[in-house]
């Protein structure tokens, strides 16, 4: 499907998950993000997982100071979410998939 025929309602997320090796926190962040993408973003995701030990220049490029960090490049604005992404509501708000916290969670 070309850009000219893509429906306006289709949102493609461009995400970069910056991790530090294969630590437990890194593995947990990867698992949590993949689950969130599968359940909430309907496959409309350009996801790249970047290990700062293998590609330290990308940590500088994305202005990451802690790992794991999820960087949302698109849709704008750019956002950074630090941690293992286990707080689903917080991550979904950061990605702007949901905008409010359900009353039961308050």
N, C-alpha and C. Protein backbone atom coordinates (compact mmCIF):
# COMPACT_ATOMS: atom_id res chain seq x y z
N UNK A 1 0.85 -1.17 0.00
CA UNK A 1 0.00 0.00 0.00
C UNK A 1 0.89 1.23 0.00
N UNK A 2 0.69 2.11 -0.92
CA UNK A 2 1.51 3.31 -1.01
C UNK A 2 1.02 4.36 -0.02
N UNK A 3 1.86 5.37 0.20
CA UNK A 3 1.50 6.44 1.12
C UNK A 3 0.23 7.16 0.66
N UNK A 4 0.03 7.23 -0.65
CA UNK A 4 -1.13 7.91 -1.19
C UNK A 4 -2.42 7.14 -0.89
N UNK A 5 -2.33 5.80 -0.71
CA UNK A 5 -3.52 5.01 -0.47
C UNK A 5 -3.67 4.57 0.98
N UNK A 6 -2.73 4.96 1.84
CA UNK A 6 -2.83 4.61 3.25
C UNK A 6 -3.95 5.41 3.89
N UNK A 7 -4.85 4.73 4.62
CA UNK A 7 -5.93 5.47 5.27
C UNK A 7 -5.38 6.47 6.28
N UNK A 8 -6.07 7.59 6.42
CA UNK A 8 -5.62 8.62 7.35
C UNK A 8 -5.66 8.15 8.79
N UNK A 9 -6.51 7.17 9.10
CA UNK A 9 -6.63 6.70 10.47
C UNK A 9 -5.49 5.77 10.87
N UNK A 10 -4.73 5.27 9.92
CA UNK A 10 -3.63 4.35 10.24
C UNK A 10 -2.46 5.16 10.81
N UNK A 11 -2.08 4.84 12.04
CA UNK A 11 -0.95 5.51 12.68
C UNK A 11 0.18 4.50 12.76
N UNK A 12 1.32 4.87 12.22
CA UNK A 12 2.48 4.01 12.33
C UNK A 12 3.39 4.59 13.40
N UNK A 13 3.74 3.74 14.34
CA UNK A 13 4.63 4.14 15.42
C UNK A 13 6.05 3.76 15.04
N UNK A 14 6.98 4.67 15.22
CA UNK A 14 8.40 4.38 15.04
C UNK A 14 9.02 4.41 16.43
N UNK A 15 9.41 3.23 16.91
CA UNK A 15 9.91 3.08 18.27
C UNK A 15 11.33 2.52 18.26
N UNK A 16 12.14 3.01 19.19
CA UNK A 16 13.49 2.49 19.39
C UNK A 16 13.62 2.16 20.87
N UNK A 17 13.91 0.90 21.16
CA UNK A 17 14.13 0.48 22.54
C UNK A 17 15.63 0.33 22.74
N UNK A 18 16.16 1.16 23.61
CA UNK A 18 17.59 1.16 23.91
C UNK A 18 17.80 0.31 25.15
N UNK A 19 18.59 -0.77 25.02
CA UNK A 19 18.86 -1.66 26.15
C UNK A 19 20.36 -1.75 26.38
N UNK A 20 20.72 -2.29 27.56
CA UNK A 20 22.13 -2.46 27.92
C UNK A 20 22.41 -3.96 28.04
N UNK A 21 22.77 -4.57 26.93
CA UNK A 21 23.09 -5.99 26.94
C UNK A 21 21.86 -6.84 27.18
N UNK A 22 22.07 -8.03 27.75
CA UNK A 22 20.96 -8.95 27.96
C UNK A 22 20.64 -9.09 29.45
N UNK A 23 20.63 -7.97 30.14
CA UNK A 23 20.28 -7.98 31.56
C UNK A 23 18.81 -8.36 31.74
N UNK A 24 18.45 -8.71 32.95
CA UNK A 24 17.06 -9.06 33.25
C UNK A 24 16.13 -7.89 32.92
N UNK A 25 16.54 -6.66 33.27
CA UNK A 25 15.70 -5.48 32.96
C UNK A 25 15.54 -5.30 31.46
N UNK A 26 16.63 -5.52 30.70
CA UNK A 26 16.55 -5.39 29.24
C UNK A 26 15.60 -6.43 28.67
N UNK A 27 15.73 -7.67 29.10
CA UNK A 27 14.85 -8.74 28.59
C UNK A 27 13.40 -8.47 28.95
N UNK A 28 13.17 -8.00 30.18
CA UNK A 28 11.81 -7.69 30.61
C UNK A 28 11.22 -6.54 29.78
N UNK A 29 12.02 -5.52 29.49
CA UNK A 29 11.55 -4.39 28.67
C UNK A 29 11.18 -4.86 27.27
N UNK A 30 12.01 -5.73 26.69
CA UNK A 30 11.73 -6.25 25.35
C UNK A 30 10.42 -7.04 25.35
N UNK A 31 10.25 -7.93 26.32
CA UNK A 31 9.02 -8.73 26.41
C UNK A 31 7.80 -7.85 26.61
N UNK A 32 7.90 -6.89 27.52
CA UNK A 32 6.77 -6.00 27.79
C UNK A 32 6.41 -5.18 26.57
N UNK A 33 7.41 -4.65 25.86
CA UNK A 33 7.13 -3.84 24.68
C UNK A 33 6.51 -4.67 23.56
N UNK A 34 7.03 -5.85 23.34
CA UNK A 34 6.44 -6.69 22.29
C UNK A 34 4.99 -7.02 22.59
N UNK A 35 4.68 -7.30 23.85
CA UNK A 35 3.29 -7.59 24.24
C UNK A 35 2.41 -6.37 24.02
N UNK A 36 2.90 -5.18 24.44
CA UNK A 36 2.12 -3.96 24.24
C UNK A 36 1.86 -3.68 22.77
N UNK A 37 2.88 -3.87 21.96
CA UNK A 37 2.73 -3.63 20.52
C UNK A 37 1.69 -4.58 19.92
N UNK A 38 1.78 -5.83 20.31
CA UNK A 38 0.85 -6.85 19.79
C UNK A 38 -0.59 -6.56 20.20
N UNK A 39 -0.80 -6.16 21.45
CA UNK A 39 -2.17 -5.98 21.94
C UNK A 39 -2.76 -4.60 21.68
N UNK A 40 -1.92 -3.58 21.57
CA UNK A 40 -2.47 -2.21 21.50
C UNK A 40 -2.13 -1.44 20.22
N UNK A 41 -1.14 -1.85 19.49
CA UNK A 41 -0.72 -1.06 18.32
C UNK A 41 -1.00 -1.77 17.00
N UNK A 42 -1.66 -2.89 17.03
CA UNK A 42 -2.15 -3.60 15.84
C UNK A 42 -1.10 -3.78 14.74
N UNK A 43 0.13 -4.00 15.11
CA UNK A 43 1.16 -4.27 14.11
C UNK A 43 1.64 -3.06 13.34
N UNK A 44 1.13 -1.88 13.65
CA UNK A 44 1.54 -0.66 12.95
C UNK A 44 2.77 -0.07 13.63
N UNK A 45 3.84 -0.87 13.73
CA UNK A 45 5.01 -0.46 14.48
C UNK A 45 6.29 -0.74 13.70
N UNK A 46 7.15 0.26 13.65
CA UNK A 46 8.52 0.09 13.17
C UNK A 46 9.37 0.08 14.43
N UNK A 47 9.71 -1.12 14.91
CA UNK A 47 10.42 -1.28 16.17
C UNK A 47 11.84 -1.74 15.92
N UNK A 48 12.78 -1.06 16.56
CA UNK A 48 14.18 -1.47 16.51
C UNK A 48 14.70 -1.54 17.94
N UNK A 49 15.33 -2.65 18.27
CA UNK A 49 15.93 -2.81 19.59
C UNK A 49 17.43 -2.59 19.43
N UNK A 50 17.96 -1.66 20.22
CA UNK A 50 19.36 -1.24 20.09
C UNK A 50 20.08 -1.52 21.40
N UNK A 51 21.18 -2.26 21.30
CA UNK A 51 22.01 -2.56 22.46
C UNK A 51 23.12 -1.51 22.52
N UNK A 52 23.16 -0.73 23.61
CA UNK A 52 24.15 0.34 23.69
C UNK A 52 25.58 -0.18 23.79
N UNK A 53 25.73 -1.43 24.18
CA UNK A 53 27.08 -2.01 24.20
C UNK A 53 27.58 -2.28 22.78
N UNK A 54 26.66 -2.55 21.87
CA UNK A 54 27.01 -2.83 20.47
C UNK A 54 27.01 -1.57 19.61
N UNK A 55 26.14 -0.61 19.94
CA UNK A 55 26.00 0.61 19.14
C UNK A 55 25.89 1.84 20.05
N UNK A 56 26.96 2.18 20.75
CA UNK A 56 26.89 3.32 21.69
C UNK A 56 26.58 4.65 21.01
N UNK A 57 26.94 4.80 19.77
CA UNK A 57 26.67 6.06 19.07
C UNK A 57 25.18 6.32 18.94
N UNK A 58 24.37 5.26 18.88
CA UNK A 58 22.92 5.46 18.78
C UNK A 58 22.32 5.93 20.10
N UNK A 59 22.92 5.55 21.22
CA UNK A 59 22.45 6.07 22.50
C UNK A 59 22.65 7.59 22.53
N UNK A 60 23.78 8.05 22.02
CA UNK A 60 24.01 9.49 21.94
C UNK A 60 23.05 10.14 20.95
N UNK A 61 22.86 9.52 19.81
CA UNK A 61 21.97 10.08 18.78
C UNK A 61 20.55 10.26 19.32
N UNK A 62 20.06 9.28 20.08
CA UNK A 62 18.70 9.35 20.61
C UNK A 62 18.65 10.04 21.98
N UNK A 63 19.78 10.56 22.44
CA UNK A 63 19.88 11.30 23.70
C UNK A 63 19.37 10.48 24.89
N UNK A 64 19.87 9.25 24.97
CA UNK A 64 19.48 8.34 26.03
C UNK A 64 20.54 8.34 27.11
N UNK A 65 20.12 8.52 28.37
CA UNK A 65 21.06 8.56 29.49
C UNK A 65 20.89 7.38 30.44
N UNK A 66 19.85 6.57 30.25
CA UNK A 66 19.61 5.40 31.09
C UNK A 66 19.04 4.29 30.22
N UNK A 67 19.26 3.06 30.63
CA UNK A 67 18.72 1.94 29.87
C UNK A 67 18.05 0.97 30.83
N UNK A 68 16.94 0.39 30.42
CA UNK A 68 16.31 0.53 29.11
C UNK A 68 15.50 1.84 28.99
N UNK A 69 15.48 2.36 27.77
CA UNK A 69 14.68 3.54 27.44
C UNK A 69 13.97 3.29 26.12
N UNK A 70 12.68 3.56 26.10
CA UNK A 70 11.90 3.50 24.88
C UNK A 70 11.81 4.90 24.31
N UNK A 71 12.19 5.06 23.03
CA UNK A 71 12.11 6.35 22.35
C UNK A 71 11.02 6.25 21.30
N UNK A 72 10.00 7.10 21.42
CA UNK A 72 8.94 7.17 20.41
C UNK A 72 9.31 8.29 19.46
N UNK A 73 9.65 7.94 18.23
CA UNK A 73 10.02 8.94 17.24
C UNK A 73 8.81 9.46 16.47
N UNK A 74 7.89 8.57 16.16
CA UNK A 74 6.65 8.93 15.45
C UNK A 74 5.50 8.18 16.08
N UNK A 75 4.33 8.76 16.11
CA UNK A 75 4.02 10.13 15.72
C UNK A 75 4.61 11.13 16.71
N UNK A 76 4.85 12.32 16.21
CA UNK A 76 5.40 13.38 17.03
C UNK A 76 4.43 13.75 18.14
N UNK A 77 4.86 14.25 19.25
CA UNK A 77 6.21 14.63 19.62
C UNK A 77 7.04 13.43 20.05
N UNK A 78 8.37 13.58 19.95
CA UNK A 78 9.28 12.55 20.41
C UNK A 78 9.12 12.42 21.92
N UNK A 79 9.08 11.17 22.39
CA UNK A 79 8.94 10.92 23.84
C UNK A 79 9.94 9.85 24.25
N UNK A 80 10.37 9.89 25.52
CA UNK A 80 11.26 8.87 26.08
C UNK A 80 10.61 8.31 27.34
N UNK A 81 10.60 7.00 27.44
CA UNK A 81 10.06 6.33 28.61
C UNK A 81 11.17 5.44 29.15
N UNK A 82 11.58 5.71 30.39
CA UNK A 82 12.69 4.98 31.00
C UNK A 82 12.14 3.87 31.88
N UNK A 83 12.76 2.70 31.81
CA UNK A 83 12.39 1.59 32.68
C UNK A 83 12.07 0.34 31.90
N UNK A 84 11.57 -0.67 32.61
CA UNK A 84 11.32 -1.97 31.98
C UNK A 84 9.95 -2.06 31.32
N UNK A 85 9.20 -0.96 31.29
CA UNK A 85 7.92 -0.85 30.60
C UNK A 85 6.85 -1.75 31.20
N UNK A 86 6.98 -2.08 32.48
CA UNK A 86 6.03 -2.97 33.13
C UNK A 86 4.74 -2.25 33.54
N UNK A 87 4.77 -0.93 33.65
CA UNK A 87 3.57 -0.16 33.99
C UNK A 87 2.83 0.17 32.69
N UNK A 88 1.96 -0.74 32.29
CA UNK A 88 1.31 -0.65 30.98
C UNK A 88 0.59 0.67 30.75
N UNK A 89 -0.20 1.12 31.73
CA UNK A 89 -0.94 2.38 31.56
C UNK A 89 0.01 3.55 31.32
N UNK A 90 1.10 3.60 32.07
CA UNK A 90 2.09 4.68 31.92
C UNK A 90 2.71 4.66 30.52
N UNK A 91 3.03 3.47 30.03
CA UNK A 91 3.63 3.35 28.71
C UNK A 91 2.63 3.75 27.63
N UNK A 92 1.39 3.30 27.75
CA UNK A 92 0.37 3.64 26.75
C UNK A 92 0.08 5.14 26.74
N UNK A 93 0.10 5.78 27.93
CA UNK A 93 -0.05 7.24 27.95
C UNK A 93 1.15 7.92 27.30
N UNK A 94 2.35 7.42 27.58
CA UNK A 94 3.56 7.99 26.98
C UNK A 94 3.57 7.87 25.47
N UNK A 95 3.01 6.76 24.97
CA UNK A 95 2.91 6.57 23.52
C UNK A 95 1.70 7.29 22.93
N UNK A 96 0.88 7.86 23.81
CA UNK A 96 -0.35 8.55 23.44
C UNK A 96 -1.36 7.62 22.79
N UNK A 97 -1.35 6.35 23.22
CA UNK A 97 -2.36 5.40 22.78
C UNK A 97 -3.62 5.62 23.61
N UNK A 98 -3.44 5.89 24.91
CA UNK A 98 -4.55 6.32 25.77
C UNK A 98 -4.13 7.64 26.40
N UNK A 99 -5.12 8.44 26.75
CA UNK A 99 -4.79 9.76 27.28
C UNK A 99 -5.16 9.93 28.75
N UNK A 100 -5.99 9.02 29.30
CA UNK A 100 -6.36 9.13 30.70
C UNK A 100 -6.21 7.78 31.37
N UNK A 101 -6.12 7.80 32.67
CA UNK A 101 -6.04 6.59 33.47
C UNK A 101 -7.47 6.15 33.78
N UNK A 102 -7.81 4.86 33.58
CA UNK A 102 -9.14 4.39 33.94
C UNK A 102 -9.41 4.64 35.42
N UNK A 103 -10.66 4.94 35.78
CA UNK A 103 -11.03 5.28 37.15
C UNK A 103 -10.64 4.20 38.14
N UNK A 104 -10.70 2.94 37.76
CA UNK A 104 -10.36 1.84 38.66
C UNK A 104 -8.88 1.83 39.02
N UNK A 105 -8.03 2.42 38.21
CA UNK A 105 -6.58 2.43 38.43
C UNK A 105 -6.13 3.62 39.28
N UNK A 106 -6.98 4.59 39.49
CA UNK A 106 -6.60 5.80 40.22
C UNK A 106 -6.44 5.56 41.68
